[in-house]
């Protein structure tokens, strides 16, 4: 992975008006779409930016999918497969997405798609692992599970049947998700849970963590959206979630990229 395409920007957001924004390492805002364009967003390992648009897909399942090389040019995916309501960038110019029937698909820029699974209520990807909310048995309560991202998927239930929200996956394959609204780390051993940082009491509605950047959407909401916070600290300042770039960034959806500090 390198800092090209969408990975040149550590943070991408969707504003309350449906516009896509990218923020560089200095938190400078770059507008990347027209208003009303997107409702969900993710960046894949290669820097491809994927969005679920606000345009209904004629095949059902949700809305149309678009991708970009990290700029304001968007390419529509056109297939006879269903649309999406949630999306996650993966590897090899591909994304995985959920339909509004909770079916999991994977598709690439060449519009080749495949159905992977059903009964998936949330999905995240990192280091060739999927983490998901999925019931152990059909009709049951969705709980945290993980598997290698190779078809056929062989799911492993995380110990304790964890009821989490806002599933995200870091570059080492561990999961970062909200447990009782607080960001927590779930390890690939299937049983270790630890706070993102000790003493964390910051609640959130969304979390995104791919590499060293860990951002959340807090419950601090205004007409411009929810406040975006980043995990930060120094030898003289205790680690905590602080407003990105000193504050002012608000959104309805956030995603980190595989940006590497230089």
Protein backbone atom coordinates (compact mmCIF):
# COMPACT_ATOMS: atom_id res chain seq x y z
CA UNK A 1 0.00 0.00 0.00
CA UNK A 2 1.16 3.52 -0.77
CA UNK A 3 -0.16 7.04 -0.53
CA UNK A 4 -1.71 7.28 -3.98
CA UNK A 5 -5.30 7.51 -5.21
CA UNK A 6 -7.66 7.73 -2.25
CA UNK A 7 -4.89 6.81 0.18
CA UNK A 8 -3.37 10.26 -0.39
CA UNK A 9 -6.07 11.56 1.97
CA UNK A 10 -6.26 10.04 5.48
CA UNK A 11 -9.93 11.00 5.93
CA UNK A 12 -12.99 10.92 3.66
CA UNK A 13 -16.47 12.02 4.69
CA UNK A 14 -20.01 12.50 3.44
CA UNK A 15 -21.63 15.78 4.42
CA UNK A 16 -25.25 16.33 5.36
CA UNK A 17 -25.96 17.45 1.78
CA UNK A 18 -24.63 14.17 0.34
CA UNK A 19 -21.34 15.67 -0.91
CA UNK A 20 -18.10 13.68 -0.67
CA UNK A 21 -15.12 15.43 0.95
CA UNK A 22 -11.46 14.38 1.31
CA UNK A 23 -9.16 15.85 3.97
CA UNK A 24 -5.38 15.88 3.66
CA UNK A 25 -2.88 15.48 6.50
CA UNK A 26 -3.32 19.16 7.38
CA UNK A 27 -7.13 18.70 7.55
CA UNK A 28 -7.63 20.83 4.42
CA UNK A 29 -11.02 20.12 2.87
CA UNK A 30 -11.28 19.00 -0.77
CA UNK A 31 -14.76 18.66 -2.28
CA UNK A 32 -14.98 15.52 -4.41
CA UNK A 33 -18.60 15.36 -5.62
CA UNK A 34 -21.75 17.31 -6.17
CA UNK A 35 -24.39 17.58 -3.45
CA UNK A 36 -26.84 14.71 -3.10
CA UNK A 37 -24.36 12.18 -4.48
CA UNK A 38 -23.51 9.65 -1.75
CA UNK A 39 -24.84 7.94 1.36
CA UNK A 40 -22.00 5.51 2.25
CA UNK A 41 -18.25 5.49 1.53
CA UNK A 42 -15.15 3.33 1.96
CA UNK A 43 -11.54 3.23 0.72
CA UNK A 44 -9.94 -0.04 -0.43
CA UNK A 45 -6.36 -1.14 0.16
CA UNK A 46 -5.27 0.10 -3.28
CA UNK A 47 -6.79 3.54 -2.68
CA UNK A 48 -9.95 3.02 -4.72
CA UNK A 49 -12.78 5.05 -3.20
CA UNK A 50 -16.18 3.35 -3.27
CA UNK A 51 -19.55 4.95 -2.59
CA UNK A 52 -23.16 3.95 -2.40
CA UNK A 53 -24.98 6.72 -4.24
CA UNK A 54 -28.45 8.10 -3.65
CA UNK A 55 -29.67 6.76 -7.02
CA UNK A 56 -31.90 3.67 -6.70
CA UNK A 57 -30.53 0.67 -8.56
CA UNK A 58 -32.98 -0.57 -11.23
CA UNK A 59 -32.22 -4.16 -10.18
CA UNK A 60 -33.28 -3.48 -6.59
CA UNK A 61 -31.26 -4.26 -3.49
CA UNK A 62 -30.38 -0.64 -2.78
CA UNK A 63 -28.67 2.13 -4.70
CA UNK A 64 -26.08 2.39 -7.46
CA UNK A 65 -22.36 1.92 -6.75
CA UNK A 66 -19.62 4.28 -7.99
CA UNK A 67 -15.83 4.25 -7.63
CA UNK A 68 -13.06 6.82 -7.98
CA UNK A 69 -9.25 6.90 -8.09
CA UNK A 70 -9.23 9.48 -5.33
CA UNK A 71 -10.43 12.52 -7.24
CA UNK A 72 -13.74 14.07 -8.26
CA UNK A 73 -14.29 11.71 -11.22
CA UNK A 74 -16.74 8.92 -10.43
CA UNK A 75 -17.33 5.74 -12.44
CA UNK A 76 -20.69 3.99 -12.28
CA UNK A 77 -20.87 0.22 -11.81
CA UNK A 78 -23.48 -1.19 -14.20
CA UNK A 79 -24.48 -4.85 -13.85
CA UNK A 80 -27.59 -6.98 -13.62
CA UNK A 81 -26.79 -7.56 -9.95
CA UNK A 82 -28.51 -5.78 -7.06
CA UNK A 83 -27.59 -2.40 -5.64
CA UNK A 84 -26.17 -1.63 -2.20
CA UNK A 85 -26.94 0.12 1.06
CA UNK A 86 -23.52 -0.42 2.73
CA UNK A 87 -20.09 -0.72 1.11
CA UNK A 88 -16.52 -1.60 2.13
CA UNK A 89 -13.39 -1.38 -0.01
CA UNK A 90 -11.32 -4.55 -0.13
CA UNK A 91 -8.32 -5.48 -2.30
CA UNK A 92 -7.55 -5.97 -6.01
CA UNK A 93 -9.74 -3.05 -7.21
CA UNK A 94 -12.77 -4.60 -5.50
CA UNK A 95 -15.38 -3.85 -2.89
CA UNK A 96 -17.82 -5.87 -0.82
CA UNK A 97 -21.32 -4.60 -0.23
CA UNK A 98 -24.58 -5.41 1.50
CA UNK A 99 -28.00 -5.23 -0.10
CA UNK A 100 -31.09 -4.12 1.79
CA UNK A 101 -31.93 -7.84 2.04
CA UNK A 102 -28.68 -8.34 4.04
CA UNK A 103 -26.98 -10.28 1.24
CA UNK A 104 -23.20 -9.93 0.85
CA UNK A 105 -21.67 -9.43 -2.60
CA UNK A 106 -18.20 -8.66 -3.92
CA UNK A 107 -17.62 -6.73 -7.16
CA UNK A 108 -14.62 -5.24 -8.98
CA UNK A 109 -14.04 -2.29 -11.27
CA UNK A 110 -14.54 -4.55 -14.30
CA UNK A 111 -18.09 -5.18 -13.00
CA UNK A 112 -17.54 -8.86 -12.21
CA UNK A 113 -19.63 -9.72 -9.16
CA UNK A 114 -20.36 -12.70 -6.93
CA UNK A 115 -22.75 -13.37 -4.08
CA UNK A 116 -20.84 -14.49 -0.98
CA UNK A 117 -23.37 -14.93 1.83
CA UNK A 118 -26.71 -13.99 3.39
CA UNK A 119 -27.88 -12.73 6.80
CA UNK A 120 -25.05 -10.18 7.07
CA UNK A 121 -26.14 -7.09 9.01
CA UNK A 122 -22.82 -5.18 9.01
CA UNK A 123 -19.45 -5.81 7.35
CA UNK A 124 -15.84 -4.67 7.59
CA UNK A 125 -12.62 -5.73 5.87
CA UNK A 126 -8.88 -5.62 6.56
CA UNK A 127 -5.78 -7.79 5.95
CA UNK A 128 -7.85 -10.40 4.06
CA UNK A 129 -10.36 -10.80 6.90
CA UNK A 130 -14.06 -10.03 7.01
CA UNK A 131 -15.70 -9.09 10.31
CA UNK A 132 -19.48 -9.00 10.37
CA UNK A 133 -22.66 -8.94 12.39
CA UNK A 134 -24.31 -12.23 11.55
CA UNK A 135 -26.67 -14.54 13.46
CA UNK A 136 -25.29 -17.94 14.43
CA UNK A 137 -28.53 -19.46 13.19
CA UNK A 138 -30.95 -17.96 10.67
CA UNK A 139 -33.44 -15.75 12.44
CA UNK A 140 -31.23 -15.30 15.49
CA UNK A 141 -29.66 -12.17 16.95
CA UNK A 142 -26.74 -10.86 14.84
CA UNK A 143 -23.43 -11.19 16.72
CA UNK A 144 -19.79 -10.45 15.92
CA UNK A 145 -18.16 -13.04 13.66
CA UNK A 146 -14.99 -13.13 11.53
CA UNK A 147 -13.48 -15.18 8.72
CA UNK A 148 -10.80 -15.24 6.05
CA UNK A 149 -12.15 -13.34 3.04
CA UNK A 150 -11.99 -16.35 0.72
CA UNK A 151 -15.08 -18.06 -0.72
CA UNK A 152 -16.69 -20.15 0.68
CA UNK A 153 -16.67 -18.04 3.85
CA UNK A 154 -16.07 -20.01 7.06
CA UNK A 155 -17.30 -17.85 9.93
CA UNK A 156 -15.99 -17.93 13.51
CA UNK A 157 -18.16 -16.56 16.33
CA UNK A 158 -16.34 -14.14 18.63
CA UNK A 159 -16.51 -15.37 22.22
CA UNK A 160 -19.46 -14.11 24.22
CA UNK A 161 -21.80 -13.44 21.26
CA UNK A 162 -20.83 -9.76 21.18
CA UNK A 163 -23.54 -7.30 20.13
CA UNK A 164 -21.59 -4.48 18.44
CA UNK A 165 -22.23 -1.62 16.03
CA UNK A 166 -20.25 0.19 13.31
CA UNK A 167 -17.91 -2.66 12.38
CA UNK A 168 -14.50 -1.52 11.09
CA UNK A 169 -11.31 -3.53 10.48
CA UNK A 170 -7.72 -2.38 10.84
CA UNK A 171 -4.78 -3.24 8.58
CA UNK A 172 -3.66 -6.01 10.98
CA UNK A 173 -7.02 -7.80 10.65
CA UNK A 174 -8.38 -6.94 14.09
CA UNK A 175 -11.82 -5.40 14.44
CA UNK A 176 -12.60 -1.95 15.84
CA UNK A 177 -16.28 -1.57 16.64
CA UNK A 178 -18.63 0.07 19.10
CA UNK A 179 -19.56 -1.90 22.21
CA UNK A 180 -22.17 -0.02 24.22
CA UNK A 181 -21.30 2.98 21.99
CA UNK A 182 -17.59 2.95 23.02
CA UNK A 183 -14.82 2.06 20.47
CA UNK A 184 -13.24 -1.30 21.35
CA UNK A 185 -10.70 -3.63 19.71
CA UNK A 186 -11.56 -7.27 19.03
CA UNK A 187 -8.59 -9.55 18.32
CA UNK A 188 -8.29 -12.41 15.83
CA UNK A 189 -7.86 -14.94 18.64
CA UNK A 190 -11.64 -14.72 18.92
CA UNK A 191 -11.77 -13.81 22.61
CA UNK A 192 -9.59 -10.77 23.45
CA UNK A 193 -11.40 -7.44 23.82
CA UNK A 194 -9.58 -4.29 24.81
CA UNK A 195 -10.32 -0.57 24.79
CA UNK A 196 -8.92 1.52 21.95
CA UNK A 197 -7.14 3.35 24.78
CA UNK A 198 -7.36 2.92 28.54
CA UNK A 199 -9.88 5.11 30.26
CA UNK A 200 -11.86 5.74 27.09
CA UNK A 201 -15.39 6.93 27.82
CA UNK A 202 -15.99 8.69 24.49
CA UNK A 203 -19.19 7.44 22.88
CA UNK A 204 -19.82 7.44 19.14
CA UNK A 205 -22.23 6.46 16.40
CA UNK A 206 -19.52 5.34 13.93
CA UNK A 207 -15.84 4.36 14.08
CA UNK A 208 -13.29 3.84 11.29
CA UNK A 209 -9.77 2.52 11.83
CA UNK A 210 -7.57 1.18 9.04
CA UNK A 211 -3.97 2.01 10.00
CA UNK A 212 -2.67 4.46 12.58
CA UNK A 213 -5.63 6.79 12.05
CA UNK A 214 -8.65 6.13 14.24
CA UNK A 215 -11.62 8.45 13.78
CA UNK A 216 -15.16 8.50 15.09
CA UNK A 217 -18.41 10.32 14.54
CA UNK A 218 -19.41 11.58 17.96
CA UNK A 219 -22.92 12.19 19.25
CA UNK A 220 -22.25 15.95 19.02
CA UNK A 221 -24.71 16.78 16.25
CA UNK A 222 -25.72 20.03 14.55
CA UNK A 223 -27.39 21.02 11.30
CA UNK A 224 -23.99 20.41 9.64
CA UNK A 225 -23.73 16.82 10.86
CA UNK A 226 -21.95 15.00 13.66
CA UNK A 227 -18.53 16.14 14.88
CA UNK A 228 -15.56 14.12 13.57
CA UNK A 229 -12.95 13.24 16.21
CA UNK A 230 -9.51 11.63 15.83
CA UNK A 231 -7.57 9.62 18.40
CA UNK A 232 -4.49 11.62 19.32
CA UNK A 233 -2.00 12.25 22.11
CA UNK A 234 1.59 13.21 22.94
CA UNK A 235 4.09 12.76 25.77
CA UNK A 236 2.59 15.82 27.46
CA UNK A 237 -1.08 15.34 26.49
CA UNK A 238 -3.10 12.24 27.47
CA UNK A 239 -4.47 10.18 24.57
CA UNK A 240 -8.06 11.03 23.76
CA UNK A 241 -10.44 11.73 20.90
CA UNK A 242 -10.04 15.32 19.73
CA UNK A 243 -11.68 17.35 16.92
CA UNK A 244 -9.87 16.86 13.60
CA UNK A 245 -7.74 19.85 12.64
CA UNK A 246 -8.86 21.79 15.68
CA UNK A 247 -12.55 21.33 14.95
CA UNK A 248 -15.15 22.24 12.38
CA UNK A 249 -15.32 18.94 10.45
CA UNK A 250 -18.80 17.45 10.58
CA UNK A 251 -20.31 14.61 8.56
CA UNK A 252 -22.93 11.90 8.32
CA UNK A 253 -20.43 9.16 7.37
CA UNK A 254 -16.65 8.87 7.78
CA UNK A 255 -13.94 6.52 6.55
CA UNK A 256 -10.22 6.41 7.08
CA UNK A 257 -7.89 5.30 4.29
CA UNK A 258 -4.63 3.36 4.24
CA UNK A 259 -2.70 6.62 4.45
CA UNK A 260 0.80 6.20 5.90
CA UNK A 261 2.40 9.18 7.70
CA UNK A 262 5.70 10.26 6.10
